[in-house]
Amino acid sequence: MFCVSAACLPCQPSPSSSSQSLILQIAAQWLEQEKKDSVEAKENHLSENCPDLDLCGDQAALMETCKKLQALIDRLDEERYDAESKVGKADKEIEDLKIKVVDLVGVKKPALKKVRMSADSMLQALLGSKHKVTMDLRSSLKQVKKEVKEESTEAVGDWRKNIEDKADRKKMFETSG
């Protein structure tokens, strides 16, 4: 941050920018030291595991050197394969544990809002505006015609006659008791 006001024309950095520049210098030094350390570690590893080759000598000595190198390569390949299998097993176990954690915690279902939408607008939302599909659900419904039922007065008959018939039944129950 620099001052922009007219009072301080010879722009001087504020105290916070000087501390930031100091931090950046220290970080740059750390990065340089880290690069030097990694180069040194690489050289040490190569000197330990890959000794200098002695290519002077006859063919038998060279064949012996090749056999030693091949044995070293085989051993390193086995170690690499073992390390890869361990890492693969660990990754699989981590994924299984993540799945178990999700199962234990559960997944929260979001609160859904009720949306009133007609069938036409739903199809338009799903298919897009290019497809014009109209859905008239009422046209597929069965048509029902109302019929007026005429009740016949002949079937009802005389209600007095019906009462007299019921009176005979009532007498039957009274006499038996």
Foldseek 3Di string as FASTA:
>chain_A
DWDDDPVCVVIDDDPVVVVVVVVVVVVVVVVVVVVVVVVVVVVVVCVVLPPDDDPDDDPVVVVVVVVVVVVSVVVVVVVVVVVVVVVVVVVVVVVVVVVVVCVVVDDDDDDDDDDDDDPQVVCCVVVPVVDHDDDDPVVPDDDDDDDDDDDDPVVVPDVVVVVVVVVVVVVVVVVVD
